[in-house]
Amino acid sequence: MKAPLLASIDIGSNSVLLLIGRIVDGKLQIELQRKETLRLGGALDEHGNLQAQAMERGLECLRRYAGLMTRVAKEHRRAVATQTLREARNRNEFLSQAHAILGCEVELISGEREGALIYQGVTRLLPALPENRLVIDIGGRSTEICVGHNQTLHIATSCPIGSVAWAQRFFGGGILSAERFAAAGNAAQAALRQSLAPLGNAPWEQAFGSSGTAGAISKALLQAGLPVGEISRAGLFQLKAQLVQAGHIDRLPLHGLREELRPVIGGGVSIMCAVFDVLGLQHMRIAQGALRHGLIFELHQSLTGH
C-alpha cells in the first residue's frame, strides 16, 4: 500500500510555504513545494493589528494552497502560524478563516515549538553525525536558535528579531549606510544575548542555517566565488561592506539575489552578522530542511507512532 500524501503549511512573517510529500522508509519524498513571499510581518499597524489588505493576501494564498491539496486527506494536513500572528491582536479572525479554507486547524505555535520543528526539519534531512549541531533560522520577525545531537533536541530559544522587522526599523527608504548597519547590529546583539541565556554553555561543533535569510546570503556569496551552500565569516562581512558601498537597495549588484528579498537584505545581513559575532561563528552550512519539513515528520509520527 502506498504511503499517504501529507501536507504542511508554514504561515511565516516573510513567506507562506506549502510542502506536500510522503514518508517512505523514513525518508521524505517531496511531491510539491510552493512559496509565496507576502511579507505579512511588515503589515502590522500601530495598534498591532494585521492590516485588512495583508490579511486578505494571506487568505488568498491559502485558497490557492487549498486547491493544490485536494488529493491530501484533511486529517493529513497540518498548518502553523508564527511570530507575526503571535503578535497580531486580530489573529483569531485570520486563524478562523484560515481553518475554514484549509480544512484543518492552524496552530499558533510558540517560538520554542517553532525552534523544535525547525530543528527536526533540518536534522531529519542530514546524515547522523557524532557532533552536536547548532541550528539557526532567521525569519521575518523572529530568529530561532537550537542545539541538539542528531534528532535529539537539547534546547531551543526564540528571539523577536527578523529580516522584515529589522528592515523596517533600521533600513527605511532602502538606505544601506554604515551608521544604519551599526545601529541594527547593536540592537540585534543586545536582543540575542538576552535570548541566548537559556542555551548556557550548550556545546556544539557544526552550525547550520535554515530558511530564506541564510539561503539568500549564501546565494549572494556564491556570486562572489564562495562555495555553494556555505556562509563564511569573511564572506558575510565582505557582503555587508558591499551593501554599505551600494548605499541603497536599488543599487545592489547582487545577481544571485531574488528580487523579493532585496527590500529585506539589510535586515537579514545585519542580524546574521550579529549572530556570527555573539556566537563566535566562523562558518555556517546551509540546511535543506526547515519548519515545514519538521511538521511533515511530526505528522507522520502522530499517524504511525514512529
Protein backbone atom coordinates (compact mmCIF):
# COMPACT_ATOMS: atom_id res chain seq x y z
CA MET A 1 0.00 0.00 0.00
CA LYS A 2 1.31 3.43 -0.96
CA ALA A 3 2.26 5.81 1.84
CA PRO A 4 -0.37 8.58 2.24
CA LEU A 5 0.20 12.10 0.99
CA LEU A 6 0.95 14.56 3.80
CA ALA A 7 0.86 18.36 3.62
CA SER A 8 2.32 21.10 5.81
CA ILE A 9 1.90 24.87 5.64
CA ASP A 10 4.15 27.40 7.38
CA ILE A 11 2.50 30.84 7.64
CA GLY A 12 5.59 32.91 8.32
CA SER A 13 6.33 36.61 8.66
CA ASN A 14 8.10 36.79 5.29
CA SER A 15 6.72 33.85 3.28
CA VAL A 16 3.90 31.32 3.31
CA LEU A 17 5.19 27.87 2.35
CA LEU A 18 3.46 24.66 1.31
CA LEU A 19 5.04 21.20 1.24
CA ILE A 20 3.30 18.03 0.03
CA GLY A 21 5.02 14.67 0.17
CA ARG A 22 5.17 11.11 1.53
CA ILE A 23 7.38 9.45 4.13
CA VAL A 24 8.72 6.21 2.64
CA ASP A 25 11.17 4.11 4.71
CA GLY A 26 11.82 7.11 6.94
CA LYS A 27 12.71 9.38 4.01
CA LEU A 28 10.69 12.31 2.71
CA GLN A 29 9.64 12.10 -0.94
CA ILE A 30 8.57 15.61 -1.97
CA GLU A 31 5.72 15.82 -4.49
CA LEU A 32 5.06 19.57 -4.47
CA GLN A 33 6.52 22.72 -2.92
CA ARG A 34 5.24 26.29 -3.14
CA LYS A 35 6.44 29.56 -1.66
CA GLU A 36 4.75 32.96 -1.79
CA THR A 37 6.53 36.00 -0.35
CA LEU A 38 3.72 38.00 1.24
CA ARG A 39 5.70 39.79 3.97
CA LEU A 40 2.85 39.72 6.49
CA GLY A 41 5.41 40.78 9.11
CA GLY A 42 5.57 44.23 7.55
CA ALA A 43 1.79 44.73 7.74
CA LEU A 44 1.08 45.16 11.45
CA ASP A 45 -0.47 48.59 12.08
CA GLU A 46 0.28 50.91 15.01
CA HIS A 47 -2.33 49.09 17.14
CA GLY A 48 -0.72 45.69 16.50
CA ASN A 49 -3.42 44.50 14.11
CA LEU A 50 -2.72 42.73 10.83
CA GLN A 51 -3.94 45.13 8.15
CA ALA A 52 -7.04 44.06 6.21
CA GLN A 53 -5.29 44.02 2.81
CA ALA A 54 -2.45 41.86 4.15
CA MET A 55 -4.92 39.51 5.82
CA GLU A 56 -6.73 39.09 2.51
CA ARG A 57 -3.42 38.47 0.68
CA GLY A 58 -2.66 35.73 3.18
CA LEU A 59 -6.09 34.14 2.87
CA GLU A 60 -5.95 34.29 -0.95
CA CYS A 61 -2.61 32.44 -0.80
CA LEU A 62 -4.19 29.78 1.44
CA ARG A 63 -7.08 29.42 -1.02
CA ARG A 64 -4.53 28.67 -3.75
CA TYR A 65 -2.78 26.17 -1.49
CA ALA A 66 -6.12 24.51 -0.62
CA GLY A 67 -6.62 23.98 -4.35
CA LEU A 68 -3.26 22.20 -4.50
CA MET A 69 -4.11 19.95 -1.53
CA THR A 70 -7.25 18.33 -2.93
CA ARG A 71 -5.56 14.90 -3.00
CA VAL A 72 -4.47 15.21 0.65
CA ALA A 73 -6.97 13.96 3.27
CA LYS A 74 -7.93 16.69 5.76
CA GLU A 75 -6.55 14.64 8.67
CA HIS A 76 -3.20 14.51 6.81
CA ARG A 77 -2.80 18.30 6.73
CA ARG A 78 -1.01 20.49 9.26
CA ALA A 79 -0.65 24.28 9.29
CA VAL A 80 1.17 26.55 11.72
CA ALA A 81 1.47 30.31 12.18
CA THR A 82 4.50 32.02 13.72
CA GLN A 83 5.71 35.39 15.02
CA THR A 84 3.54 37.85 13.08
CA LEU A 85 0.35 36.11 14.18
CA ARG A 86 1.76 35.64 17.68
CA GLU A 87 1.93 39.45 17.78
CA ALA A 88 -1.25 40.34 15.82
CA ARG A 89 -4.11 41.35 18.13
CA ASN A 90 -6.68 40.33 15.48
CA ARG A 91 -5.08 36.93 14.84
CA ASN A 92 -8.22 34.94 15.75
CA GLU A 93 -10.05 36.46 12.79
CA PHE A 94 -7.31 35.26 10.43
CA LEU A 95 -6.91 31.85 12.09
CA SER A 96 -10.64 31.02 11.96
CA GLN A 97 -10.90 31.95 8.27
CA ALA A 98 -7.71 30.02 7.50
CA HIS A 99 -9.15 26.95 9.27
CA ALA A 100 -12.28 27.12 7.10
CA ILE A 101 -10.20 27.46 3.90
CA LEU A 102 -7.68 24.70 4.62
CA GLY A 103 -9.98 22.18 6.27
CA CYS A 104 -7.57 21.84 9.19
CA GLU A 105 -6.80 23.90 12.27
CA VAL A 106 -3.99 26.44 12.02
CA GLU A 107 -1.87 26.06 15.15
CA LEU A 108 -0.39 29.26 16.57
CA ILE A 109 2.96 27.99 17.83
CA SER A 110 5.35 29.44 20.40
CA GLY A 111 8.89 30.43 19.45
CA GLU A 112 10.28 27.41 21.30
CA ARG A 113 7.95 25.00 19.48
CA GLU A 114 8.86 26.72 16.21
CA GLY A 115 12.53 26.10 17.03
CA ALA A 116 11.85 22.43 17.83
CA LEU A 117 10.07 21.90 14.49
CA ILE A 118 12.85 23.70 12.60
CA TYR A 119 15.45 21.53 14.34
CA GLN A 120 13.61 18.33 13.36
CA GLY A 121 13.17 19.53 9.79
CA VAL A 122 16.87 20.29 9.48
CA THR A 123 18.25 17.18 11.18
CA ARG A 124 15.91 14.66 9.55
CA LEU A 125 17.45 15.62 6.18
CA LEU A 126 21.05 15.34 7.44
CA PRO A 127 23.15 12.21 7.96
CA ALA A 128 23.80 11.09 11.55
CA LEU A 129 26.95 12.70 12.97
CA PRO A 130 28.81 12.34 16.27
CA GLU A 131 28.96 16.12 16.83
CA ASN A 132 26.31 18.37 18.35
CA ARG A 133 24.57 20.75 15.94
CA LEU A 134 23.67 24.41 16.20
CA VAL A 135 20.68 25.33 14.01
CA ILE A 136 19.80 28.98 13.32
CA ASP A 137 16.72 30.20 11.45
CA ILE A 138 16.43 33.96 10.82
CA GLY A 139 12.82 34.58 9.83
CA GLY A 140 10.88 37.74 9.09
CA ARG A 141 10.10 38.70 12.69
CA SER A 142 11.83 36.09 14.85
CA THR A 143 15.07 34.13 14.98
CA GLU A 144 15.19 30.59 16.38
CA ILE A 145 18.40 29.08 17.75
CA CYS A 146 18.62 25.39 18.69
CA VAL A 147 21.28 22.95 19.89
CA GLY A 148 20.98 19.18 19.73
CA HIS A 149 22.55 15.88 18.76
CA ASN A 150 21.23 14.23 15.60
CA GLN A 151 17.42 14.15 16.06
CA THR A 152 17.55 14.84 19.82
CA LEU A 153 16.93 18.49 20.58
CA HIS A 154 18.70 19.71 23.72
CA ILE A 155 17.45 23.30 23.81
CA ALA A 156 15.58 25.78 21.59
CA THR A 157 15.19 29.51 22.09
CA SER A 158 13.45 32.25 20.10
CA CYS A 159 14.46 35.89 19.76
CA PRO A 160 11.97 38.52 18.46
CA ILE A 161 14.24 39.88 15.71
CA GLY A 162 13.91 39.20 11.99
CA SER A 163 14.74 40.42 8.49
CA VAL A 164 11.38 42.15 7.82
CA ALA A 165 11.19 43.82 11.25
CA TRP A 166 14.83 44.97 11.08
CA ALA A 167 14.49 46.24 7.50
CA GLN A 168 11.50 48.35 8.61
CA ARG A 169 13.13 49.57 11.80
CA PHE A 170 16.65 50.34 10.61
CA PHE A 171 16.70 50.48 6.79
CA GLY A 172 13.67 52.65 5.99
CA GLY A 173 13.63 54.04 2.46
CA GLY A 174 16.03 51.27 1.39
CA ILE A 175 19.08 53.18 2.70
CA LEU A 176 22.06 50.93 3.50
CA SER A 177 24.52 53.16 5.39
CA ALA A 178 27.30 52.13 7.78
CA GLU A 179 25.50 54.02 10.58
CA ARG A 180 22.28 52.07 10.00
CA PHE A 181 24.14 48.74 9.95
CA ALA A 182 25.87 49.67 13.21
CA ALA A 183 22.56 50.53 14.90
CA ALA A 184 20.87 47.38 13.55
CA GLY A 185 23.81 45.20 14.60
CA ASN A 186 23.99 46.61 18.13
CA ALA A 187 20.25 46.16 18.67
CA ALA A 188 20.36 42.59 17.31
CA GLN A 189 23.34 41.68 19.51
CA ALA A 190 21.60 43.02 22.62
CA ALA A 191 18.41 41.05 21.85
CA LEU A 192 20.38 37.88 21.04
CA ARG A 193 22.41 37.98 24.26
CA GLN A 194 19.19 38.17 26.23
CA SER A 195 17.53 35.32 24.31
CA LEU A 196 20.62 33.08 24.31
CA ALA A 197 20.81 32.88 28.11
CA PRO A 198 18.85 29.54 28.19
CA LEU A 199 21.50 27.97 25.93
CA GLY A 200 24.12 28.44 28.66
CA ASN A 201 27.27 26.62 27.62
CA ALA A 202 25.50 24.00 25.50
CA PRO A 203 28.32 22.62 23.31
CA TRP A 204 28.10 22.33 19.53
CA GLU A 205 30.57 21.71 16.71
CA GLN A 206 28.66 22.36 13.47
CA ALA A 207 26.45 25.34 12.63
CA PHE A 208 23.57 25.13 10.14
CA GLY A 209 21.44 27.96 8.75
CA SER A 210 17.84 27.20 7.80
CA SER A 211 15.32 29.03 5.60
CA GLY A 212 15.23 32.17 3.48
CA THR A 213 17.72 34.59 5.07
CA ALA A 214 20.57 32.08 5.31
CA GLY A 215 19.83 30.78 1.81
CA ALA A 216 19.69 34.29 0.32
CA ILE A 217 23.02 35.27 1.90
CA SER A 218 24.62 32.04 0.69
CA LYS A 219 23.41 32.68 -2.89
CA ALA A 220 24.77 36.23 -2.79
CA LEU A 221 28.14 34.86 -1.61
CA LEU A 222 28.11 32.24 -4.37
CA GLN A 223 28.20 35.11 -6.88
CA ALA A 224 31.36 36.31 -5.11
CA GLY A 225 33.01 32.93 -5.70
CA LEU A 226 32.37 31.22 -2.37
CA PRO A 227 31.40 27.52 -2.25
CA VAL A 228 27.73 26.69 -2.73
CA GLY A 229 25.67 26.23 0.43
CA GLU A 230 28.03 27.94 2.82
CA ILE A 231 28.48 31.22 4.69
CA SER A 232 31.95 32.13 5.91
CA ARG A 233 32.61 34.93 8.37
CA ALA A 234 34.92 36.70 5.91
CA GLY A 235 32.38 36.39 3.08
CA LEU A 236 29.49 37.60 5.25
CA PHE A 237 31.27 40.75 6.44
CA GLN A 238 32.51 41.40 2.91
CA LEU A 239 28.88 41.22 1.75
CA LYS A 240 27.90 43.75 4.43
CA ALA A 241 30.65 46.07 3.14
CA GLN A 242 29.26 45.65 -0.40
CA LEU A 243 25.80 46.67 0.79
CA VAL A 244 27.19 49.76 2.53
CA GLN A 245 29.15 50.65 -0.60
CA ALA A 246 25.98 50.37 -2.72
CA GLY A 247 24.23 52.67 -0.25
CA HIS A 248 20.70 51.78 -1.36
CA ILE A 249 18.77 48.60 -2.19
CA ASP A 250 18.11 49.90 -5.73
CA ARG A 251 21.86 49.93 -6.44
CA LEU A 252 22.65 46.43 -5.25
CA PRO A 253 24.78 44.50 -7.77
CA LEU A 254 23.74 41.12 -6.32
CA HIS A 255 22.79 38.99 -9.30
CA GLY A 256 22.10 35.90 -7.16
CA LEU A 257 19.51 37.70 -5.04
CA ARG A 258 15.83 37.11 -5.73
CA GLU A 259 14.05 40.40 -6.33
CA GLU A 260 11.59 39.93 -3.45
CA LEU A 261 14.50 39.62 -0.98
CA ARG A 262 16.09 42.93 -1.97
CA PRO A 263 13.96 45.07 0.42
CA VAL A 264 14.87 42.93 3.47
CA ILE A 265 18.51 42.05 2.73
CA GLY A 266 19.85 44.80 5.02
CA GLY A 267 17.79 43.46 7.91
CA GLY A 268 18.82 39.87 7.25
CA VAL A 269 22.55 40.58 6.83
CA SER A 270 22.71 42.80 9.94
CA ILE A 271 21.13 40.03 12.05
CA MET A 272 23.35 37.31 10.56
CA CYS A 273 26.44 39.41 11.33
CA ALA A 274 25.18 39.80 14.92
CA VAL A 275 24.62 36.02 15.17
CA PHE A 276 28.19 35.36 13.94
CA ASP A 277 29.59 37.90 16.43
CA VAL A 278 27.60 36.85 19.51
CA LEU A 279 28.17 33.10 18.94
CA GLY A 280 31.74 33.48 17.65
CA LEU A 281 30.93 31.66 14.40
CA GLN A 282 33.46 31.30 11.59
CA HIS A 283 31.41 29.12 9.26
CA MET A 284 27.82 28.01 8.61
CA ARG A 285 26.39 25.37 6.29
CA ILE A 286 23.01 25.88 4.62
CA ALA A 287 20.46 23.25 5.63
CA GLN A 288 17.89 21.85 3.20
CA GLY A 289 15.29 21.21 5.88
CA ALA A 290 13.12 23.79 7.64
CA LEU A 291 9.97 24.13 9.76
CA ARG A 292 7.63 22.70 7.09
CA HIS A 293 9.76 19.54 6.85
CA GLY A 294 9.72 19.13 10.64
CA LEU A 295 5.93 19.48 10.60
CA ILE A 296 5.59 16.71 8.00
CA PHE A 297 7.77 14.33 10.04
CA GLU A 298 5.84 15.15 13.22
CA LEU A 299 2.53 14.49 11.42
CA HIS A 300 3.85 11.16 10.12
CA GLN A 301 4.92 10.17 13.65
CA SER A 302 1.49 11.05 15.08
CA LEU A 303 -0.21 8.91 12.41
CA THR A 304 2.10 5.88 12.62
CA GLY A 305 3.59 6.03 16.11
CA HIS A 306 7.16 6.03 14.76
